[in-house]
C-alpha atoms as a PDB file:
ATOM      1  CA  MET A   1       3.542 -18.316 -17.232  1.00  0.00           C
ATOM      2  CA  SER A   2       4.404 -16.899 -20.630  1.00  0.00           C
ATOM      3  CA  PHE A   3       3.047 -13.682 -22.127  1.00  0.00           C
ATOM      4  CA  LYS A   4       0.717 -15.747 -24.307  1.00  0.00           C
ATOM      5  CA  ASP A   5      -0.572 -17.606 -21.266  1.00  0.00           C
ATOM      6  CA  LEU A   6      -1.046 -14.286 -19.463  1.00  0.00           C
ATOM      7  CA  LYS A   7      -3.302 -13.097 -22.270  1.00  0.00           C
ATOM      8  CA  LYS A   8      -5.183 -16.375 -22.502  1.00  0.00           C
ATOM      9  CA  ASN A   9      -5.782 -16.786 -18.769  1.00  0.00           C
ATOM     10  CA  ARG A  10      -6.447 -13.193 -17.733  1.00  0.00           C
ATOM     11  CA  ALA A  11     -10.147 -13.836 -17.069  1.00  0.00           C
ATOM     12  CA  ASP A  12      -9.232 -16.564 -14.584  1.00  0.00           C
ATOM     13  CA  SER A  13      -6.576 -14.287 -13.113  1.00  0.00           C
ATOM     14  CA  PHE A  14      -9.179 -11.571 -12.559  1.00  0.00           C
ATOM     15  CA  LYS A  15     -11.481 -14.035 -10.819  1.00  0.00           C
ATOM     16  CA  LYS A  16      -8.628 -15.071  -8.519  1.00  0.00           C
ATOM     17  CA  LEU A  17      -7.790 -11.441  -7.833  1.00  0.00           C
ATOM     18  CA  ILE A  18     -11.408 -10.745  -6.889  1.00  0.00           C
ATOM     19  CA  ASP A  19     -11.483 -13.733  -4.544  1.00  0.00           C
ATOM     20  CA  GLU A  20      -8.247 -12.652  -2.858  1.00  0.00           C
ATOM     21  CA  THR A  21      -9.398  -9.044  -2.510  1.00  0.00           C
ATOM     22  CA  GLU A  22     -12.757 -10.043  -1.037  1.00  0.00           C
ATOM     23  CA  ALA A  23     -10.898 -12.127   1.540  1.00  0.00           C
ATOM     24  CA  LEU A  24      -8.832  -9.182   2.771  1.00  0.00           C
ATOM     25  CA  ASN A  25     -10.188  -8.327   6.296  1.00  0.00           C
ATOM     26  CA  GLU A  26       2.969  -0.780   7.919  1.00  0.00           C
ATOM     27  CA  ASN A  27       9.821   0.644   9.324  1.00  0.00           C
ATOM     28  CA  ASP A  28       9.442   0.417   5.651  1.00  0.00           C
ATOM     29  CA  TYR A  29      11.704  -1.490   3.288  1.00  0.00           C
ATOM     30  CA  ALA A  30      15.098  -0.254   2.221  1.00  0.00           C
ATOM     31  CA  PRO A  31      15.015   2.572  -0.330  1.00  0.00           C
ATOM     32  CA  ASP A  32      14.787   1.242  -3.864  1.00  0.00           C
ATOM     33  CA  PRO A  33      15.952   3.284  -6.870  1.00  0.00           C
ATOM     34  CA  ASP A  34      13.146   1.728  -8.916  1.00  0.00           C
ATOM     35  CA  SER A  35      10.450   2.930  -6.522  1.00  0.00           C
ATOM     36  CA  TRP A  36       8.085   5.659  -7.676  1.00  0.00           C
ATOM     37  CA  TYR A  37       6.502   8.303  -5.495  1.00  0.00           C
ATOM     38  CA  PRO A  38       4.150  10.900  -6.975  1.00  0.00           C
ATOM     39  CA  GLY A  39       5.758  14.317  -6.842  1.00  0.00           C
ATOM     40  CA  VAL A  40       4.255  17.756  -6.267  1.00  0.00           C
ATOM     41  CA  ASP A  41       5.161  21.249  -7.453  1.00  0.00           C
ATOM     42  CA  LYS A  42       6.250  24.194  -5.317  1.00  0.00           C
ATOM     43  CA  VAL A  43       2.731  24.851  -4.049  1.00  0.00           C
ATOM     44  CA  GLY A  44       2.111  21.198  -3.230  1.00  0.00           C
ATOM     45  CA  ASN A  45       0.031  20.076  -6.185  1.00  0.00           C
ATOM     46  CA  GLY A  46       0.741  17.305  -8.656  1.00  0.00           C
ATOM     47  CA  THR A  47      -0.712  14.879 -11.145  1.00  0.00           C
ATOM     48  CA  ALA A  48       0.468  11.684 -12.805  1.00  0.00           C
ATOM     49  CA  THR A  49      -1.013   8.871 -14.867  1.00  0.00           C
ATOM     50  CA  ILE A  50       0.067   5.285 -14.237  1.00  0.00           C
ATOM     51  CA  ARG A  51      -0.998   1.760 -15.145  1.00  0.00           C
ATOM     52  CA  PHE A  52      -0.952  -1.098 -12.666  1.00  0.00           C
ATOM     53  CA  LEU A  53       0.871  -4.184 -13.967  1.00  0.00           C
ATOM     54  CA  PRO A  54      -0.003  -7.888 -13.485  1.00  0.00           C
ATOM     55  CA  ALA A  55       1.893 -10.335 -11.320  1.00  0.00           C
ATOM     56  CA  ILE A  56       5.184 -11.648 -12.679  1.00  0.00           C
ATOM     57  CA  ASN A  57       5.788 -15.260 -13.680  1.00  0.00           C
ATOM     58  CA  ASP A  58       5.402 -17.736 -10.818  1.00  0.00           C
ATOM     59  CA  GLU A  59       3.633 -15.246  -8.542  1.00  0.00           C
ATOM     60  CA  ASP A  60      -0.125 -15.246  -7.999  1.00  0.00           C
ATOM     61  CA  LYS A  61      -0.755 -11.777  -6.569  1.00  0.00           C
ATOM     62  CA  ASP A  62      -0.834  -8.467  -8.432  1.00  0.00           C
ATOM     63  CA  PHE A  63      -0.196  -6.557  -5.198  1.00  0.00           C
ATOM     64  CA  ILE A  64       1.158  -7.243  -1.728  1.00  0.00           C
ATOM     65  CA  ARG A  65      -0.156  -5.923   1.560  1.00  0.00           C
ATOM     66  CA  TRP A  66       1.690  -5.358   4.835  1.00  0.00           C
ATOM     67  CA  TRP A  67       1.473  -3.268   7.982  1.00  0.00           C
ATOM     68  CA  THR A  68       3.864  -0.893   9.730  1.00  0.00           C
ATOM     69  CA  HIS A  69       4.008   1.046  12.979  1.00  0.00           C
ATOM     70  CA  ASN A  70       5.156   4.638  12.701  1.00  0.00           C
ATOM     71  CA  PHE A  71       4.842   6.860  15.763  1.00  0.00           C
ATOM     72  CA  GLN A  72       6.764   9.211  18.042  1.00  0.00           C
ATOM     73  CA  ASP A  73       6.403   8.948  21.812  1.00  0.00           C
ATOM     74  CA  PRO A  74       5.387  12.366  23.175  1.00  0.00           C
ATOM     75  CA  ASN A  75       7.472  11.947  26.341  1.00  0.00           C
ATOM     76  CA  THR A  76      10.770  10.476  25.136  1.00  0.00           C
ATOM     77  CA  LYS A  77      10.473  12.127  21.684  1.00  0.00           C
ATOM     78  CA  LYS A  78      11.854   8.900  20.215  1.00  0.00           C
ATOM     79  CA  TRP A  79      10.453   7.334  17.037  1.00  0.00           C
ATOM     80  CA  TYR A  80       9.283   3.794  16.446  1.00  0.00           C
ATOM     81  CA  ILE A  81       9.281   2.982  12.705  1.00  0.00           C
ATOM     82  CA  GLU A  82       9.134  -0.732  12.044  1.00  0.00           C
ATOM     83  CA  ASN A  83       7.451  -3.388   9.925  1.00  0.00           C
ATOM     84  CA  CYS A  84       4.655  -5.027  11.878  1.00  0.00           C
ATOM     85  CA  LEU A  85       5.017  -8.788  12.374  1.00  0.00           C
ATOM     86  CA  PHE A  86       1.259  -9.141  11.885  1.00  0.00           C
ATOM     87  CA  SER A  87       2.091  -8.949   8.158  1.00  0.00           C
ATOM     88  CA  ILE A  88       3.625 -12.435   8.251  1.00  0.00           C
ATOM     89  CA  ASP A  89       2.402 -13.810  11.574  1.00  0.00           C
ATOM     90  CA  LYS A  90      -1.102 -12.856  12.701  1.00  0.00           C
ATOM     91  CA  ASN A  91      -0.318 -13.759  16.321  1.00  0.00           C
ATOM     92  CA  ALA A  92       2.966 -11.963  16.967  1.00  0.00           C
ATOM     93  CA  ASP A  93       3.816  -8.268  17.263  1.00  0.00           C
ATOM     94  CA  PRO A  94       4.835  -6.501  20.496  1.00  0.00           C
ATOM     95  CA  VAL A  95       3.185  -3.169  19.633  1.00  0.00           C
ATOM     96  CA  MET A  96      -0.128  -4.841  18.876  1.00  0.00           C
ATOM     97  CA  ALA A  97       0.093  -6.800  22.134  1.00  0.00           C
ATOM     98  CA  PHE A  98       0.902  -3.607  24.047  1.00  0.00           C
ATOM     99  CA  ASN A  99      -1.906  -1.686  22.342  1.00  0.00           C
ATOM    100  CA  LYS A 100      -4.416  -4.387  23.265  1.00  0.00           C
ATOM    101  CA  LYS A 101      -3.228  -4.194  26.868  1.00  0.00           C
ATOM    102  CA  LEU A 102      -3.686  -0.404  26.859  1.00  0.00           C
ATOM    103  CA  TRP A 103      -7.120  -0.627  25.220  1.00  0.00           C
ATOM    104  CA  ASP A 104      -8.435  -3.357  27.511  1.00  0.00           C
ATOM    105  CA  SER A 105      -7.283  -1.459  30.603  1.00  0.00           C
ATOM    106  CA  VAL A 106     -10.120   1.021  30.091  1.00  0.00           C
ATOM    107  CA  GLU A 107     -13.748   0.120  30.616  1.00  0.00           C
ATOM    108  CA  ASP A 108     -15.949   0.916  27.620  1.00  0.00           C
ATOM    109  CA  SER A 109     -17.958   4.114  28.025  1.00  0.00           C
ATOM    110  CA  GLU A 110     -18.871   7.257  26.109  1.00  0.00           C
ATOM    111  CA  SER A 111     -15.721   8.979  27.383  1.00  0.00           C
ATOM    112  CA  ALA A 112     -13.391   5.975  27.044  1.00  0.00           C
ATOM    113  CA  LYS A 113     -11.821   7.289  23.830  1.00  0.00           C
ATOM    114  CA  LEU A 114     -10.533  10.285  25.810  1.00  0.00           C
ATOM    115  CA  HIS A 115      -8.643   8.101  28.273  1.00  0.00           C
ATOM    116  CA  PRO A 116      -4.811   8.481  27.946  1.00  0.00           C
ATOM    117  CA  ASN A 117      -4.359   4.731  27.441  1.00  0.00           C
ATOM    118  CA  ARG A 118      -6.757   4.590  24.519  1.00  0.00           C
ATOM    119  CA  ILE A 119      -5.307   7.768  23.030  1.00  0.00           C
ATOM    120  CA  GLN A 120      -1.867   6.151  23.186  1.00  0.00           C
ATOM    121  CA  ALA A 121      -3.099   2.904  21.653  1.00  0.00           C
ATOM    122  CA  THR A 122      -4.721   4.828  18.808  1.00  0.00           C
ATOM    123  CA  ARG A 123      -1.535   6.838  18.177  1.00  0.00           C
ATOM    124  CA  GLN A 124       0.477   3.605  18.020  1.00  0.00           C
ATOM    125  CA  ALA A 125      -1.951   1.704  15.790  1.00  0.00           C
ATOM    126  CA  ARG A 126      -0.661  -0.221  12.798  1.00  0.00           C
ATOM    127  CA  LYS A 127      -0.938   1.293   9.321  1.00  0.00           C
ATOM    128  CA  ILE A 128      -1.702  -0.618   6.140  1.00  0.00           C
ATOM    129  CA  ASN A 129       0.442  -0.427   2.999  1.00  0.00           C
ATOM    130  CA  TYR A 130       0.281  -1.929  -0.477  1.00  0.00           C
ATOM    131  CA  ARG A 131       2.807  -2.294  -3.264  1.00  0.00           C
ATOM    132  CA  SER A 132       2.424  -2.984  -6.974  1.00  0.00           C
ATOM    133  CA  ASN A 133       4.518  -2.820 -10.101  1.00  0.00           C
ATOM    134  CA  ILE A 134       3.402   0.005 -12.391  1.00  0.00           C
ATOM    135  CA  PHE A 135       4.080   1.612 -15.757  1.00  0.00           C
ATOM    136  CA  VAL A 136       4.372   5.415 -15.664  1.00  0.00           C
ATOM    137  CA  VAL A 137       2.322   6.802 -18.530  1.00  0.00           C
ATOM    138  CA  ASP A 138       2.763  10.478 -17.660  1.00  0.00           C
ATOM    139  CA  ASP A 139       4.460  12.033 -14.635  1.00  0.00           C
ATOM    140  CA  GLY A 140       3.458  15.693 -14.616  1.00  0.00           C
ATOM    141  CA  VAL A 141       6.089  16.723 -12.060  1.00  0.00           C
ATOM    142  CA  ASN A 142       8.993  14.409 -12.953  1.00  0.00           C
ATOM    143  CA  PRO A 143       8.668  13.661 -16.691  1.00  0.00           C
ATOM    144  CA  GLU A 144      11.926  11.686 -16.677  1.00  0.00           C
ATOM    145  CA  ASN A 145       9.833   8.827 -15.274  1.00  0.00           C
ATOM    146  CA  ASN A 146       7.576   8.692 -18.331  1.00  0.00           C
ATOM    147  CA  GLY A 147       7.591   5.323 -20.068  1.00  0.00           C
ATOM    148  CA  LYS A 148       9.388   3.572 -17.213  1.00  0.00           C
ATOM    149  CA  VAL A 149       8.403   0.599 -15.084  1.00  0.00           C
ATOM    150  CA  LYS A 150       8.423   1.388 -11.365  1.00  0.00           C
ATOM    151  CA  LYS A 151       7.458  -0.014  -7.966  1.00  0.00           C
ATOM    152  CA  PHE A 152       4.647   1.890  -6.270  1.00  0.00           C
ATOM    153  CA  LYS A 153       3.926   1.842  -2.544  1.00  0.00           C
ATOM    154  CA  TYR A 154       0.479   3.185  -1.713  1.00  0.00           C
ATOM    155  CA  GLY A 155      -2.077   3.247   1.053  1.00  0.00           C
ATOM    156  CA  LYS A 156      -5.766   2.694   1.618  1.00  0.00           C
ATOM    157  CA  TRP A 157      -6.669   5.815  -0.380  1.00  0.00           C
ATOM    158  CA  CYS A 158      -5.459   4.103  -3.559  1.00  0.00           C
ATOM    159  CA  PHE A 159      -6.569   0.561  -2.756  1.00  0.00           C
ATOM    160  CA  ASP A 160     -10.097   1.833  -2.207  1.00  0.00           C
ATOM    161  CA  LYS A 161     -10.040   3.115  -5.804  1.00  0.00           C
ATOM    162  CA  ILE A 162      -8.820  -0.288  -7.034  1.00  0.00           C
ATOM    163  CA  GLU A 163     -11.624  -2.051  -5.184  1.00  0.00           C
ATOM    164  CA  GLY A 164     -14.109   0.455  -6.561  1.00  0.00           C
ATOM    165  CA  LEU A 165     -13.106  -0.472 -10.108  1.00  0.00           C
ATOM    166  CA  MET A 166     -13.274  -4.192  -9.377  1.00  0.00           C
ATOM    167  CA  PHE A 167     -16.547  -4.008  -7.434  1.00  0.00           C
ATOM    168  CA  PRO A 168     -18.651  -1.210  -8.984  1.00  0.00           C
ATOM    169  CA  LYS A 169     -21.443   0.023  -6.739  1.00  0.00           C
ATOM    170  CA  PHE A 170     -23.866   1.004  -9.483  1.00  0.00           C
ATOM    171  CA  ALA A 171     -25.920  -1.354 -11.622  1.00  0.00           C
ATOM    172  CA  GLY A 172     -24.829  -1.624 -15.215  1.00  0.00           C
ATOM    173  CA  LYS A 173     -21.191  -0.771 -14.557  1.00  0.00           C
ATOM    174  CA  LYS A 174     -18.801  -3.517 -15.638  1.00  0.00           C
ATOM    175  CA  ALA A 175     -16.200  -4.818 -13.227  1.00  0.00           C
ATOM    176  CA  VAL A 176     -12.711  -3.997 -14.495  1.00  0.00           C
ATOM    177  CA  ASN A 177      -9.408  -5.639 -13.588  1.00  0.00           C
ATOM    178  CA  PRO A 178      -7.012  -2.697 -13.051  1.00  0.00           C
ATOM    179  CA  PHE A 179      -4.033  -5.041 -13.475  1.00  0.00           C
ATOM    180  CA  ASP A 180      -5.069  -6.297 -16.925  1.00  0.00           C
ATOM    181  CA  LEU A 181      -2.772  -5.165 -19.744  1.00  0.00           C
ATOM    182  CA  TRP A 182      -5.519  -5.528 -22.359  1.00  0.00           C
ATOM    183  CA  GLU A 183      -8.702  -4.480 -20.605  1.00  0.00           C
ATOM    184  CA  GLY A 184      -7.460  -2.403 -17.699  1.00  0.00           C
ATOM    185  CA  SER A 185      -7.630   1.334 -17.144  1.00  0.00           C
ATOM    186  CA  ASN A 186      -5.089   4.076 -16.473  1.00  0.00           C
ATOM    187  CA  PHE A 187      -5.031   5.504 -12.953  1.00  0.00           C
ATOM    188  CA  VAL A 188      -4.747   9.282 -12.551  1.00  0.00           C
ATOM    189  CA  VAL A 189      -3.077  10.422  -9.311  1.00  0.00           C
ATOM    190  CA  GLU A 190      -4.230  13.911  -8.358  1.00  0.00           C
ATOM    191  CA  ILE A 191      -2.681  15.640  -5.357  1.00  0.00           C
ATOM    192  CA  PHE A 192      -3.325  18.937  -3.655  1.00  0.00           C
ATOM    193  CA  SER A 193      -1.952  20.126  -0.348  1.00  0.00           C
ATOM    194  CA  GLU A 194      -4.071  21.262   2.579  1.00  0.00           C
ATOM    195  CA  VAL A 195      -3.416  22.232   6.184  1.00  0.00           C
ATOM    196  CA  LYS A 196      -4.931  20.029   8.875  1.00  0.00           C
ATOM    197  CA  GLY A 197      -4.186  20.377  12.556  1.00  0.00           C
ATOM    198  CA  GLY A 198      -1.522  22.935  11.755  1.00  0.00           C
ATOM    199  CA  LYS A 199       0.300  20.513   9.456  1.00  0.00           C
ATOM    200  CA  LYS A 200       0.516  20.490   5.668  1.00  0.00           C
ATOM    201  CA  GLN A 201      -0.825  17.240   4.273  1.00  0.00           C
ATOM    202  CA  ARG A 202      -1.389  15.685   0.859  1.00  0.00           C
ATOM    203  CA  ASN A 203      -4.942  15.081  -0.289  1.00  0.00           C
ATOM    204  CA  TYR A 204      -5.515  12.335  -2.894  1.00  0.00           C
ATOM    205  CA  THR A 205      -9.310  12.392  -3.040  1.00  0.00           C
ATOM    206  CA  GLY A 206      -9.381  13.494  -6.685  1.00  0.00           C
ATOM    207  CA  SER A 207      -7.438  10.451  -7.865  1.00  0.00           C
ATOM    208  CA  HIS A 208      -9.402   8.193 -10.183  1.00  0.00           C
ATOM    209  CA  PHE A 209      -9.365   5.569 -12.898  1.00  0.00           C
ATOM    210  CA  GLU A 210     -10.018   6.797 -16.425  1.00  0.00           C
ATOM    211  CA  THR A 211     -13.329   5.727 -17.907  1.00  0.00           C
ATOM    212  CA  THR A 212     -11.615   4.368 -21.021  1.00  0.00           C
ATOM    213  CA  VAL A 213     -10.766   0.669 -20.810  1.00  0.00           C
ATOM    214  CA  GLY A 214      -8.284  -0.870 -23.228  1.00  0.00           C
ATOM    215  CA  PRO A 215      -4.747  -2.088 -23.885  1.00  0.00           C
ATOM    216  CA  LEU A 216      -1.826  -0.259 -22.294  1.00  0.00           C
ATOM    217  CA  ALA A 217       0.054  -0.260 -25.625  1.00  0.00           C
ATOM    218  CA  ASP A 218       0.450  -2.416 -28.713  1.00  0.00           C
ATOM    219  CA  GLU A 219       1.062  -6.142 -28.216  1.00  0.00           C
ATOM    220  CA  LYS A 220       4.812  -5.941 -28.774  1.00  0.00           C
ATOM    221  CA  LYS A 221       5.253  -3.101 -26.274  1.00  0.00           C
ATOM    222  CA  MET A 222       3.103  -4.806 -23.655  1.00  0.00           C
ATOM    223  CA  GLU A 223       5.137  -7.988 -23.946  1.00  0.00           C
ATOM    224  CA  GLU A 224       8.321  -5.934 -23.573  1.00  0.00           C
ATOM    225  CA  ILE A 225       6.928  -4.283 -20.432  1.00  0.00           C
ATOM    226  CA  PHE A 226       5.759  -7.596 -18.960  1.00  0.00           C
ATOM    227  CA  ASN A 227       9.111  -9.265 -19.599  1.00  0.00           C
ATOM    228  CA  SER A 228      10.997  -6.314 -18.076  1.00  0.00           C
ATOM    229  CA  ILE A 229       9.485  -6.859 -14.612  1.00  0.00           C
ATOM    230  CA  GLN A 230      10.229 -10.570 -14.306  1.00  0.00           C
ATOM    231  CA  GLY A 231      12.862  -9.925 -11.649  1.00  0.00           C
ATOM    232  CA  TRP A 232      10.570  -7.664  -9.652  1.00  0.00           C
ATOM    233  CA  SER A 233       9.077 -10.012  -7.104  1.00  0.00           C
ATOM    234  CA  LEU A 234       6.396  -8.619  -4.817  1.00  0.00           C
ATOM    235  CA  LYS A 235       6.476 -11.661  -2.541  1.00  0.00           C
ATOM    236  CA  ALA A 236      10.110 -10.853  -1.738  1.00  0.00           C
ATOM    237  CA  TYR A 237       8.963  -7.867   0.303  1.00  0.00           C
ATOM    238  CA  LEU A 238       7.207 -10.267   2.672  1.00  0.00           C
ATOM    239  CA  ASP A 239      10.313 -12.363   3.216  1.00  0.00           C
ATOM    240  CA  PRO A 240      10.851 -12.776   6.996  1.00  0.00           C
ATOM    241  CA  LYS A 241      14.342 -11.280   6.565  1.00  0.00           C
ATOM    242  CA  ASN A 242      12.630  -7.909   6.082  1.00  0.00           C
ATOM    243  CA  PHE A 243      11.133  -8.139   9.563  1.00  0.00           C
ATOM    244  CA  LYS A 244      12.873  -7.922  12.920  1.00  0.00           C
ATOM    245  CA  SER A 245      12.224 -10.608  15.507  1.00  0.00           C
ATOM    246  CA  TYR A 246       9.636 -10.167  18.253  1.00  0.00           C
ATOM    247  CA  ASP A 247      12.381  -9.685  20.863  1.00  0.00           C
ATOM    248  CA  GLU A 248      14.173  -7.061  18.759  1.00  0.00           C
ATOM    249  CA  LEU A 249      10.945  -5.140  18.242  1.00  0.00           C
ATOM    250  CA  LYS A 250      10.021  -5.427  21.920  1.00  0.00           C
ATOM    251  CA  LYS A 251      13.413  -3.988  22.938  1.00  0.00           C
ATOM    252  CA  HIS A 252      12.968  -1.075  20.530  1.00  0.00           C
ATOM    253  CA  LEU A 253       9.402  -0.432  21.708  1.00  0.00           C
ATOM    254  CA  ASP A 254      10.494  -0.307  25.366  1.00  0.00           C
ATOM    255  CA  GLU A 255      13.278   2.149  24.457  1.00  0.00           C
ATOM    256  CA  VAL A 256      10.821   4.400  22.642  1.00  0.00           C
ATOM    257  CA  VAL A 257       8.116   4.521  25.343  1.00  0.00           C
ATOM    258  CA  GLY A 258      10.687   4.565  28.139  1.00  0.00           C
ATOM    259  CA  TYR A 259       9.548   1.567  30.185  1.00  0.00           C
ATOM    260  CA  ASP A 260       8.978  -2.203  30.087  1.00  0.00           C
ATOM    261  CA  THR A 261       5.694  -2.655  28.244  1.00  0.00           C
ATOM    262  CA  ASP A 262       5.182  -6.087  29.836  1.00  0.00           C
ATOM    263  CA  LYS A 263       4.768  -4.555  33.294  1.00  0.00           C
END
């Protein structure tokens, strides 16, 4: 699909994006120098403005979604940080199978959530991740990123904002495609740090899309940006080579929890 076709067919692309998003019912990938992560200052606050970019030629999704498991066993003190096979095979992941076994071992009751098995299953639950290509409009903490195209990994906090723009809850508000170069909207990432459970955490609740809808830049600049990401495949992140086999994951899981999870 050429830049001209992108412009011509963006209404159809938005419809397809809506359909895919409505149909949606987390070790991470190798570090990438082109990845962008919103920074914070010395006190833990930060802000940045970005623009989500459309899918590259020959790809039909503006974002990809996958799951990971990231937990530390309280007894062995070992960590399990792996991509979850559920991302590419809905019927195969050893942690999910083990968690189901733990969950089903406890009869449902008002106090069931306090049972050690259910607490463990909850601690080991899969986490959802998303990734999109973006253009950094203004990075308040690391200005060297301004004007650059980056890859952005984000979680449910951000995807909820994307869905909110696409599916407005109030009458009279127009649905907006956040990935549209012409009629999209800038996304403002606002971060402040807070202490929860004795740990310092980032809070993204203030993040939002700007109310102004319009082109990211002039036509020439937008074409330059679109052409610059043609080698940045999102589908490549879901290549099976980025996931360990069931047996490899099962071996790692057993090492982390300290016993054979099949028994």
